[in-house]
C-alpha cells in the first residue's frame, strides 16, 4: 500500500529533514565532526541507522548559532579594538 503524501507535507519533509552531509555543509564542519557532536550529545538525530542519520533542520540551526557564539568567545581580539 502506497502512502498518499500531500504536497505540503512533502515540501516540509524536504525542507526540514537533513542527513549528515547536509548538516556538515550547513555547519561548515566535516562529517566526522557531526558524528562527534552526536556522540557528545550536542546534536540529537531523529533517526539513526548504520548508513543514514536524519536530523531536523531547526535543531541544526540552533546548534549552528550556539557554535558561532562559542567560537566568538574564544576568538582573539585585536588590541586596537577597545
C-alpha atoms as a PDB file:
ATOM      1  CA  UNK A   1       0.000   0.000   0.000  1.00  0.00           C
ATOM      2  CA  UNK A   2       1.383   3.345  -1.033  1.00  0.00           C
ATOM      3  CA  UNK A   3       1.043   6.292   1.332  1.00  0.00           C
ATOM      4  CA  UNK A   4      -0.553   9.426  -0.075  1.00  0.00           C
ATOM      5  CA  UNK A   5       1.673  12.343   0.939  1.00  0.00           C
ATOM      6  CA  UNK A   6       0.279  15.824   0.491  1.00  0.00           C
ATOM      7  CA  UNK A   7       2.402  18.357  -1.380  1.00  0.00           C
ATOM      8  CA  UNK A   8       2.643  20.428   1.812  1.00  0.00           C
ATOM      9  CA  UNK A   9       3.981  17.503   3.821  1.00  0.00           C
ATOM     10  CA  UNK A  10       6.440  16.575   1.082  1.00  0.00           C
ATOM     11  CA  UNK A  11       7.694  20.174   0.973  1.00  0.00           C
ATOM     12  CA  UNK A  12       8.081  20.264   4.765  1.00  0.00           C
ATOM     13  CA  UNK A  13       9.946  16.951   4.796  1.00  0.00           C
ATOM     14  CA  UNK A  14      12.378  18.041   2.083  1.00  0.00           C
ATOM     15  CA  UNK A  15      12.996  21.381   3.804  1.00  0.00           C
ATOM     16  CA  UNK A  16      13.234  20.189   7.413  1.00  0.00           C
ATOM     17  CA  UNK A  17      14.926  16.794   7.273  1.00  0.00           C
ATOM     18  CA  UNK A  18      18.679  16.656   6.800  1.00  0.00           C
ATOM     19  CA  UNK A  19      21.247  13.886   6.502  1.00  0.00           C
ATOM     20  CA  UNK A  20      24.759  14.047   7.925  1.00  0.00           C
ATOM     21  CA  UNK A  21      26.448  15.514   4.838  1.00  0.00           C
ATOM     22  CA  UNK A  22      23.856  18.319   4.660  1.00  0.00           C
ATOM     23  CA  UNK A  23      24.311  19.066   8.365  1.00  0.00           C
ATOM     24  CA  UNK A  24      28.085  19.177   7.889  1.00  0.00           C
ATOM     25  CA  UNK A  25      27.706  21.611   4.993  1.00  0.00           C
ATOM     26  CA  UNK A  26      25.359  23.891   6.950  1.00  0.00           C
ATOM     27  CA  UNK A  27      27.647  23.917   9.993  1.00  0.00           C
ATOM     28  CA  UNK A  28      30.831  24.208   7.928  1.00  0.00           C
ATOM     29  CA  UNK A  29      32.351  21.109   9.525  1.00  0.00           C
ATOM     30  CA  UNK A  30      33.271  17.573   8.474  1.00  0.00           C
ATOM     31  CA  UNK A  31      31.024  14.519   8.666  1.00  0.00           C
ATOM     32  CA  UNK A  32      33.296  13.249  11.439  1.00  0.00           C
ATOM     33  CA  UNK A  33      32.661  16.439  13.442  1.00  0.00           C
ATOM     34  CA  UNK A  34      28.890  15.954  13.044  1.00  0.00           C
ATOM     35  CA  UNK A  35      29.278  12.401  14.375  1.00  0.00           C
ATOM     36  CA  UNK A  36      31.312  13.758  17.307  1.00  0.00           C
ATOM     37  CA  UNK A  37      28.590  16.328  18.063  1.00  0.00           C
ATOM     38  CA  UNK A  38      26.070  13.469  18.147  1.00  0.00           C
ATOM     39  CA  UNK A  39      28.327  11.362  20.374  1.00  0.00           C
ATOM     40  CA  UNK A  40      28.770  14.329  22.748  1.00  0.00           C
ATOM     41  CA  UNK A  41      25.005  14.819  22.917  1.00  0.00           C
ATOM     42  CA  UNK A  42      25.115  18.299  21.390  1.00  0.00           C
ATOM     43  CA  UNK A  43      23.135  17.207  18.331  1.00  0.00           C
ATOM     44  CA  UNK A  44      20.345  14.652  18.582  1.00  0.00           C
ATOM     45  CA  UNK A  45      19.242  12.830  15.426  1.00  0.00           C
ATOM     46  CA  UNK A  46      15.574  11.990  14.966  1.00  0.00           C
ATOM     47  CA  UNK A  47      16.546   8.693  13.320  1.00  0.00           C
ATOM     48  CA  UNK A  48      19.868   6.926  13.288  1.00  0.00           C
ATOM     49  CA  UNK A  49      20.683   3.838  11.262  1.00  0.00           C
ATOM     50  CA  UNK A  50      24.011   2.352  10.252  1.00  0.00           C
ATOM     51  CA  UNK A  51      24.050   4.051   6.847  1.00  0.00           C
ATOM     52  CA  UNK A  52      21.833   7.091   7.388  1.00  0.00           C
ATOM     53  CA  UNK A  53      21.238   9.561  10.189  1.00  0.00           C
ATOM     54  CA  UNK A  54      18.433  12.116   9.948  1.00  0.00           C
ATOM     55  CA  UNK A  55      18.273  15.465  11.728  1.00  0.00           C
ATOM     56  CA  UNK A  56      15.753  18.288  11.997  1.00  0.00           C
ATOM     57  CA  UNK A  57      16.972  21.470  10.312  1.00  0.00           C
ATOM     58  CA  UNK A  58      15.595  23.609  13.164  1.00  0.00           C
ATOM     59  CA  UNK A  59      17.812  21.756  15.665  1.00  0.00           C
ATOM     60  CA  UNK A  60      20.851  22.145  13.422  1.00  0.00           C
ATOM     61  CA  UNK A  61      20.232  25.890  13.049  1.00  0.00           C
ATOM     62  CA  UNK A  62      20.057  26.259  16.852  1.00  0.00           C
ATOM     63  CA  UNK A  63      23.341  24.363  17.212  1.00  0.00           C
ATOM     64  CA  UNK A  64      24.935  26.487  14.484  1.00  0.00           C
ATOM     65  CA  UNK A  65      24.141  29.636  16.473  1.00  0.00           C
ATOM     66  CA  UNK A  66      25.496  28.067  19.685  1.00  0.00           C
ATOM     67  CA  UNK A  67      28.723  27.138  17.898  1.00  0.00           C
ATOM     68  CA  UNK A  68      29.026  30.659  16.469  1.00  0.00           C
ATOM     69  CA  UNK A  69      28.631  32.190  19.939  1.00  0.00           C
ATOM     70  CA  UNK A  70      31.162  29.780  21.448  1.00  0.00           C
ATOM     71  CA  UNK A  71      33.674  30.480  18.674  1.00  0.00           C
ATOM     72  CA  UNK A  72      33.348  34.218  19.174  1.00  0.00           C
ATOM     73  CA  UNK A  73      34.159  33.827  22.890  1.00  0.00           C
ATOM     74  CA  UNK A  74      37.473  32.196  22.051  1.00  0.00           C
ATOM     75  CA  UNK A  75      38.481  34.363  19.116  1.00  0.00           C
ATOM     76  CA  UNK A  76      41.439  36.587  19.869  1.00  0.00           C
ATOM     77  CA  UNK A  77      40.507  40.216  19.841  1.00  0.00           C
ATOM     78  CA  UNK A  78      42.712  42.791  18.218  1.00  0.00           C
ATOM     79  CA  UNK A  79      44.195  45.049  20.952  1.00  0.00           C
ATOM     80  CA  UNK A  80      43.210  48.028  18.777  1.00  0.00           C
ATOM     81  CA  UNK A  81      39.508  47.086  19.171  1.00  0.00           C
ATOM     82  CA  UNK A  82      38.862  48.602  22.592  1.00  0.00           C
END
